Structure formats: C-alpha cells, structure tokens
C-alpha cells in the first residue's frame, strides 16, 4: 500500500515539487511507524526508512537547486 500512497505534485510555474505518502490513503501515523519503527493500529513495525535515505542522497544537490531561488 505504501508504494501506491506515495504521490507527487509539481508546480512548474514556481519550480517546485512535493513528494511523499498521502495520509488519506495510509493513515496519518503510518509513515512515522515505517520510517522509525513503532506501533501502528495495534501492531509493531520494525523501522524501514525510506524518506531519510532519500533525503541523505538528495542533500548534496540542495545548494545548487536553491542558488538564486530566493530574491
């Protein structure tokens, strides 16, 4: 279900994209339970990070992306 719940929105006019799990599909706390581990709906989940590793991989690109983006 997680794979189908990851949605994106692109705002071309401002050069912005938002990507992440949709709480209306999975529930508002499932992302945290998957990322960090914990209990969700009465069951325990081991941590299975997905957003943290994506951020770590993308972080070196941020300075170039944000250069001259704020005026």
PDB file of N, CA and C in Angstrom:
ATOM      1  N   UNK A   1       0.812  -1.203   0.000  1.00  0.00           N
ATOM      2  CA  UNK A   1       0.000   0.000   0.000  1.00  0.00           C
ATOM      3  C   UNK A   1       0.848   1.256   0.000  1.00  0.00           C
ATOM      4  N   UNK A   2       2.019   1.206   0.626  1.00  0.00           N
ATOM      5  CA  UNK A   2       2.866   2.396   0.673  1.00  0.00           C
ATOM      6  C   UNK A   2       3.248   2.852  -0.732  1.00  0.00           C
ATOM      7  N   UNK A   3       3.635   1.926  -1.568  1.00  0.00           N
ATOM      8  CA  UNK A   3       4.050   2.285  -2.929  1.00  0.00           C
ATOM      9  C   UNK A   3       2.950   3.050  -3.664  1.00  0.00           C
ATOM     10  N   UNK A   4       1.711   2.642  -3.480  1.00  0.00           N
ATOM     11  CA  UNK A   4       0.601   3.321  -4.150  1.00  0.00           C
ATOM     12  C   UNK A   4       0.206   4.621  -3.473  1.00  0.00           C
ATOM     13  N   UNK A   5       0.659   4.827  -2.237  1.00  0.00           N
ATOM     14  CA  UNK A   5       0.295   6.035  -1.500  1.00  0.00           C
ATOM     15  C   UNK A   5       1.290   7.169  -1.690  1.00  0.00           C
ATOM     16  N   UNK A   6       2.446   6.904  -2.274  1.00  0.00           N
ATOM     17  CA  UNK A   6       3.422   7.968  -2.497  1.00  0.00           C
ATOM     18  C   UNK A   6       2.999   8.754  -3.735  1.00  0.00           C
ATOM     19  N   UNK A   7       2.639   9.994  -3.488  1.00  0.00           N
ATOM     20  CA  UNK A   7       2.130  10.860  -4.540  1.00  0.00           C
ATOM     21  C   UNK A   7       3.068  12.042  -4.740  1.00  0.00           C
ATOM     22  N   UNK A   8       2.858  12.753  -5.828  1.00  0.00           N
ATOM     23  CA  UNK A   8       3.672  13.939  -6.071  1.00  0.00           C
ATOM     24  C   UNK A   8       2.808  15.031  -6.686  1.00  0.00           C
ATOM     25  N   UNK A   9       3.256  16.243  -6.483  1.00  0.00           N
ATOM     26  CA  UNK A   9       2.620  17.405  -7.096  1.00  0.00           C
ATOM     27  C   UNK A   9       3.727  18.288  -7.638  1.00  0.00           C
ATOM     28  N   UNK A  10       3.559  18.779  -8.846  1.00  0.00           N
ATOM     29  CA  UNK A  10       4.557  19.636  -9.486  1.00  0.00           C
ATOM     30  C   UNK A  10       3.930  20.992  -9.772  1.00  0.00           C
ATOM     31  N   UNK A  11       4.619  22.042  -9.344  1.00  0.00           N
ATOM     32  CA  UNK A  11       4.218  23.409  -9.636  1.00  0.00           C
ATOM     33  C   UNK A  11       5.286  23.989 -10.556  1.00  0.00           C
ATOM     34  N   UNK A  12       5.092  23.838 -11.831  1.00  0.00           N
ATOM     35  CA  UNK A  12       6.099  24.257 -12.811  1.00  0.00           C
ATOM     36  C   UNK A  12       6.356  25.762 -12.793  1.00  0.00           C
ATOM     37  N   UNK A  13       5.320  26.537 -12.538  1.00  0.00           N
ATOM     38  CA  UNK A  13       5.488  27.990 -12.575  1.00  0.00           C
ATOM     39  C   UNK A  13       6.433  28.499 -11.493  1.00  0.00           C
ATOM     40  N   UNK A  14       6.556  27.780 -10.386  1.00  0.00           N
ATOM     41  CA  UNK A  14       7.481  28.191  -9.322  1.00  0.00           C
ATOM     42  C   UNK A  14       8.643  27.222  -9.168  1.00  0.00           C
ATOM     43  N   UNK A  15       8.697  26.180 -10.014  1.00  0.00           N
ATOM     44  CA  UNK A  15       9.799  25.237  -9.977  1.00  0.00           C
ATOM     45  C   UNK A  15       9.847  24.413  -8.704  1.00  0.00           C
ATOM     46  N   UNK A  16       8.683  23.924  -8.263  1.00  0.00           N
ATOM     47  CA  UNK A  16       8.624  23.194  -7.006  1.00  0.00           C
ATOM     48  C   UNK A  16       7.908  21.864  -7.202  1.00  0.00           C
ATOM     49  N   UNK A  17       8.395  20.852  -6.490  1.00  0.00           N
ATOM     50  CA  UNK A  17       7.741  19.545  -6.478  1.00  0.00           C
ATOM     51  C   UNK A  17       7.663  19.059  -5.040  1.00  0.00           C
ATOM     52  N   UNK A  18       6.564  18.411  -4.706  1.00  0.00           N
ATOM     53  CA  UNK A  18       6.365  17.831  -3.384  1.00  0.00           C
ATOM     54  C   UNK A  18       6.090  16.350  -3.568  1.00  0.00           C
ATOM     55  N   UNK A  19       6.809  15.529  -2.802  1.00  0.00           N
ATOM     56  CA  UNK A  19       6.681  14.080  -2.925  1.00  0.00           C
ATOM     57  C   UNK A  19       6.565  13.486  -1.538  1.00  0.00           C
ATOM     58  N   UNK A  20       5.648  12.541  -1.365  1.00  0.00           N
ATOM     59  CA  UNK A  20       5.533  11.871  -0.071  1.00  0.00           C
ATOM     60  C   UNK A  20       4.281  11.026   0.027  1.00  0.00           C
ATOM     61  N   UNK A  21       4.148  10.306   1.135  1.00  0.00           N
ATOM     62  CA  UNK A  21       2.985   9.432   1.309  1.00  0.00           C
ATOM     63  C   UNK A  21       1.732  10.244   1.634  1.00  0.00           C
ATOM     64  N   UNK A  22       0.620   9.841   1.072  1.00  0.00           N
ATOM     65  CA  UNK A  22      -0.657  10.510   1.303  1.00  0.00           C
ATOM     66  C   UNK A  22      -1.330   9.896   2.522  1.00  0.00           C
ATOM     67  N   UNK A  23      -1.525  10.709   3.557  1.00  0.00           N
ATOM     68  CA  UNK A  23      -2.126  10.230   4.804  1.00  0.00           C
ATOM     69  C   UNK A  23      -3.553   9.736   4.601  1.00  0.00           C
ATOM     70  N   UNK A  24      -4.257  10.260   3.612  1.00  0.00           N
ATOM     71  CA  UNK A  24      -5.636   9.817   3.399  1.00  0.00           C
ATOM     72  C   UNK A  24      -5.699   8.388   2.875  1.00  0.00           C
ATOM     73  N   UNK A  25      -4.611   7.884   2.341  1.00  0.00           N
ATOM     74  CA  UNK A  25      -4.565   6.503   1.851  1.00  0.00           C
ATOM     75  C   UNK A  25      -4.089   5.560   2.941  1.00  0.00           C
ATOM     76  N   UNK A  26      -3.058   5.952   3.679  1.00  0.00           N
ATOM     77  CA  UNK A  26      -2.446   5.057   4.661  1.00  0.00           C
ATOM     78  C   UNK A  26      -2.853   5.334   6.102  1.00  0.00           C
ATOM     79  N   UNK A  27      -3.227   6.536   6.403  1.00  0.00           N
ATOM     80  CA  UNK A  27      -3.436   6.950   7.784  1.00  0.00           C
ATOM     81  C   UNK A  27      -2.316   7.900   8.155  1.00  0.00           C
ATOM     82  N   UNK A  28      -2.571   8.777   9.101  1.00  0.00           N
ATOM     83  CA  UNK A  28      -1.608   9.857   9.347  1.00  0.00           C
ATOM     84  C   UNK A  28      -0.348   9.422  10.074  1.00  0.00           C
ATOM     85  N   UNK A  29      -0.332   8.298  10.782  1.00  0.00           N
ATOM     86  CA  UNK A  29       0.846   7.908  11.563  1.00  0.00           C
ATOM     87  C   UNK A  29       1.648   6.769  10.961  1.00  0.00           C
ATOM     88  N   UNK A  30       1.201   6.200   9.871  1.00  0.00           N
ATOM     89  CA  UNK A  30       1.898   5.040   9.318  1.00  0.00           C
ATOM     90  C   UNK A  30       3.288   5.402   8.790  1.00  0.00           C
ATOM     91  N   UNK A  31       3.449   6.583   8.240  1.00  0.00           N
ATOM     92  CA  UNK A  31       4.764   6.991   7.729  1.00  0.00           C
ATOM     93  C   UNK A  31       5.811   6.987   8.821  1.00  0.00           C
ATOM     94  N   UNK A  32       5.473   7.513   9.982  1.00  0.00           N
ATOM     95  CA  UNK A  32       6.398   7.526  11.115  1.00  0.00           C
ATOM     96  C   UNK A  32       6.708   6.132  11.618  1.00  0.00           C
ATOM     97  N   UNK A  33       5.694   5.265  11.656  1.00  0.00           N
ATOM     98  CA  UNK A  33       5.916   3.891  12.104  1.00  0.00           C
ATOM     99  C   UNK A  33       6.835   3.151  11.148  1.00  0.00           C
ATOM    100  N   UNK A  34       6.696   3.390   9.855  1.00  0.00           N
ATOM    101  CA  UNK A  34       7.571   2.726   8.888  1.00  0.00           C
ATOM    102  C   UNK A  34       8.982   3.305   8.920  1.00  0.00           C
ATOM    103  N   UNK A  35       9.082   4.614   8.986  1.00  0.00           N
ATOM    104  CA  UNK A  35      10.395   5.275   8.953  1.00  0.00           C
ATOM    105  C   UNK A  35      11.210   4.982  10.212  1.00  0.00           C
ATOM    106  N   UNK A  36      10.578   5.075  11.371  1.00  0.00           N
ATOM    107  CA  UNK A  36      11.309   4.981  12.635  1.00  0.00           C
ATOM    108  C   UNK A  36      11.018   3.716  13.428  1.00  0.00           C
ATOM    109  N   UNK A  37      10.037   2.948  13.010  1.00  0.00           N
ATOM    110  CA  UNK A  37       9.610   1.785  13.777  1.00  0.00           C
ATOM    111  C   UNK A  37       8.624   2.218  14.848  1.00  0.00           C
ATOM    112  N   UNK A  38       7.818   1.286  15.301  1.00  0.00           N
ATOM    113  CA  UNK A  38       6.866   1.603  16.354  1.00  0.00           C
ATOM    114  C   UNK A  38       5.539   0.930  16.130  1.00  0.00           C
ATOM    115  N   UNK A  39       4.583   1.310  16.950  1.00  0.00           N
ATOM    116  CA  UNK A  39       3.268   0.690  16.893  1.00  0.00           C
ATOM    117  C   UNK A  39       2.332   1.503  16.024  1.00  0.00           C
ATOM    118  N   UNK A  40       1.537   0.800  15.242  1.00  0.00           N
ATOM    119  CA  UNK A  40       0.530   1.421  14.398  1.00  0.00           C
ATOM    120  C   UNK A  40      -0.649   0.477  14.319  1.00  0.00           C
ATOM    121  N   UNK A  41      -1.810   0.972  14.694  1.00  0.00           N
ATOM    122  CA  UNK A  41      -3.042   0.182  14.685  1.00  0.00           C
ATOM    123  C   UNK A  41      -2.882  -1.152  15.406  1.00  0.00           C
ATOM    124  N   UNK A  42      -2.226  -1.101  16.560  1.00  0.00           N
ATOM    125  CA  UNK A  42      -2.102  -2.275  17.408  1.00  0.00           C
ATOM    126  C   UNK A  42      -1.022  -3.265  17.017  1.00  0.00           C
ATOM    127  N   UNK A  43      -0.245  -2.973  16.008  1.00  0.00           N
ATOM    128  CA  UNK A  43       0.835  -3.873  15.591  1.00  0.00           C
ATOM    129  C   UNK A  43       2.155  -3.126  15.619  1.00  0.00           C
ATOM    130  N   UNK A  44       3.230  -3.860  15.923  1.00  0.00           N
ATOM    131  CA  UNK A  44       4.564  -3.267  15.984  1.00  0.00           C
ATOM    132  C   UNK A  44       5.247  -3.421  14.630  1.00  0.00           C
ATOM    133  N   UNK A  45       5.892  -2.350  14.195  1.00  0.00           N
ATOM    134  CA  UNK A  45       6.623  -2.352  12.928  1.00  0.00           C
ATOM    135  C   UNK A  45       8.091  -2.047  13.198  1.00  0.00           C
ATOM    136  N   UNK A  46       8.960  -2.823  12.592  1.00  0.00           N
ATOM    137  CA  UNK A  46      10.389  -2.523  12.633  1.00  0.00           C
ATOM    138  C   UNK A  46      10.645  -1.358  11.684  1.00  0.00           C
ATOM    139  N   UNK A  47      11.657  -0.566  11.989  1.00  0.00           N
ATOM    140  CA  UNK A  47      11.983   0.590  11.150  1.00  0.00           C
ATOM    141  C   UNK A  47      12.374   0.140   9.752  1.00  0.00           C
ATOM    142  N   UNK A  48      11.764   0.775   8.760  1.00  0.00           N
ATOM    143  CA  UNK A  48      12.105   0.558   7.353  1.00  0.00           C
ATOM    144  C   UNK A  48      12.205   1.923   6.682  1.00  0.00           C
ATOM    145  N   UNK A  49      13.304   2.636   6.977  1.00  0.00           N
ATOM    146  CA  UNK A  49      13.428   4.012   6.478  1.00  0.00           C
ATOM    147  C   UNK A  49      13.345   4.112   4.963  1.00  0.00           C
ATOM    148  N   UNK A  50      12.628   5.104   4.502  1.00  0.00           N
ATOM    149  CA  UNK A  50      12.548   5.378   3.073  1.00  0.00           C
ATOM    150  C   UNK A  50      12.730   6.868   2.794  1.00  0.00           C
ATOM    151  N   UNK A  51      12.191   7.741   3.622  1.00  0.00           N
ATOM    152  CA  UNK A  51      12.357   9.176   3.384  1.00  0.00           C
ATOM    153  C   UNK A  51      13.735   9.661   3.844  1.00  0.00           C
ATOM    154  N   UNK A  52      14.239   9.129   4.955  1.00  0.00           N
ATOM    155  CA  UNK A  52      15.561   9.512   5.450  1.00  0.00           C
ATOM    156  C   UNK A  52      16.662   9.228   4.439  1.00  0.00           C
ATOM    157  N   UNK A  53      16.721   8.005   3.895  1.00  0.00           N
ATOM    158  CA  UNK A  53      17.738   7.723   2.874  1.00  0.00           C
ATOM    159  C   UNK A  53      17.577   8.577   1.619  1.00  0.00           C
ATOM    160  N   UNK A  54      16.349   8.889   1.246  1.00  0.00           N
ATOM    161  CA  UNK A  54      16.136   9.744   0.074  1.00  0.00           C
ATOM    162  C   UNK A  54      16.677  11.149   0.339  1.00  0.00           C
ATOM    163  N   UNK A  55      16.427  11.664   1.539  1.00  0.00           N
ATOM    164  CA  UNK A  55      16.950  12.985   1.904  1.00  0.00           C
ATOM    165  C   UNK A  55      18.469  12.985   1.916  1.00  0.00           C
ATOM    166  N   UNK A  56      19.063  11.955   2.487  1.00  0.00           N
ATOM    167  CA  UNK A  56      20.528  11.866   2.558  1.00  0.00           C
ATOM    168  C   UNK A  56      21.141  11.880   1.155  1.00  0.00           C
ATOM    169  N   UNK A  57      20.516  11.185   0.222  1.00  0.00           N
ATOM    170  CA  UNK A  57      21.026  11.127  -1.145  1.00  0.00           C
ATOM    171  C   UNK A  57      20.855  12.471  -1.868  1.00  0.00           C
ATOM    172  N   UNK A  58      19.748  13.155  -1.608  1.00  0.00           N
ATOM    173  CA  UNK A  58      19.457  14.404  -2.312  1.00  0.00           C
ATOM    174  C   UNK A  58      20.132  15.614  -1.687  1.00  0.00           C
ATOM    175  N   UNK A  59      20.484  15.547  -0.408  1.00  0.00           N
ATOM    176  CA  UNK A  59      21.002  16.716   0.313  1.00  0.00           C
ATOM    177  C   UNK A  59      22.185  17.405  -0.379  1.00  0.00           C
ATOM    178  N   UNK A  60      23.170  16.684  -0.939  1.00  0.00           N
ATOM    179  CA  UNK A  60      24.286  17.386  -1.600  1.00  0.00           C
ATOM    180  C   UNK A  60      23.849  18.249  -2.789  1.00  0.00           C
ATOM    181  N   UNK A  61      22.695  17.978  -3.354  1.00  0.00           N
ATOM    182  CA  UNK A  61      22.210  18.745  -4.507  1.00  0.00           C
ATOM    183  C   UNK A  61      21.488  20.032  -4.098  1.00  0.00           C
ATOM    184  N   UNK A  62      21.122  20.154  -2.826  1.00  0.00           N
ATOM    185  CA  UNK A  62      20.318  21.285  -2.378  1.00  0.00           C
ATOM    186  C   UNK A  62      20.947  22.646  -2.647  1.00  0.00           C
ATOM    187  N   UNK A  63      22.221  22.870  -2.341  1.00  0.00           N
ATOM    188  CA  UNK A  63      22.772  24.217  -2.583  1.00  0.00           C
ATOM    189  C   UNK A  63      22.615  24.667  -4.032  1.00  0.00           C
ATOM    190  N   UNK A  64      22.879  23.777  -4.965  1.00  0.00           N
ATOM    191  CA  UNK A  64      22.765  24.147  -6.368  1.00  0.00           C
ATOM    192  C   UNK A  64      21.301  24.413  -6.755  1.00  0.00           C
ATOM    193  N   UNK A  65      20.396  23.604  -6.213  1.00  0.00           N
ATOM    194  CA  UNK A  65      18.970  23.784  -6.501  1.00  0.00           C
ATOM    195  C   UNK A  65      18.475  25.120  -5.970  1.00  0.00           C
ATOM    196  N   UNK A  66      18.945  25.504  -4.774  1.00  0.00           N
ATOM    197  CA  UNK A  66      18.446  26.703  -4.119  1.00  0.00           C
ATOM    198  C   UNK A  66      19.217  27.966  -4.473  1.00  0.00           C
ATOM    199  N   UNK A  67      20.316  27.851  -5.193  1.00  0.00           N
ATOM    200  CA  UNK A  67      21.067  29.046  -5.577  1.00  0.00           C
ATOM    201  C   UNK A  67      20.179  29.977  -6.386  1.00  0.00           C
ATOM    202  N   UNK A  68      20.139  31.229  -5.963  1.00  0.00           N
ATOM    203  CA  UNK A  68      19.337  32.273  -6.618  1.00  0.00           C
ATOM    204  C   UNK A  68      17.833  32.005  -6.615  1.00  0.00           C
ATOM    205  N   UNK A  69      17.366  31.114  -5.724  1.00  0.00           N
ATOM    206  CA  UNK A  69      15.936  30.822  -5.689  1.00  0.00           C
ATOM    207  C   UNK A  69      15.157  31.811  -4.837  1.00  0.00           C
ATOM    208  N   UNK A  70      15.851  32.496  -3.926  1.00  0.00           N
ATOM    209  CA  UNK A  70      15.192  33.479  -3.076  1.00  0.00           C
ATOM    210  C   UNK A  70      15.679  34.859  -3.487  1.00  0.00           C
ATOM    211  N   UNK A  71      14.735  35.713  -3.809  1.00  0.00           N
ATOM    212  CA  UNK A  71      15.104  37.070  -4.237  1.00  0.00           C
ATOM    213  C   UNK A  71      14.451  38.102  -3.342  1.00  0.00           C
TER     214      UNK A  71
END
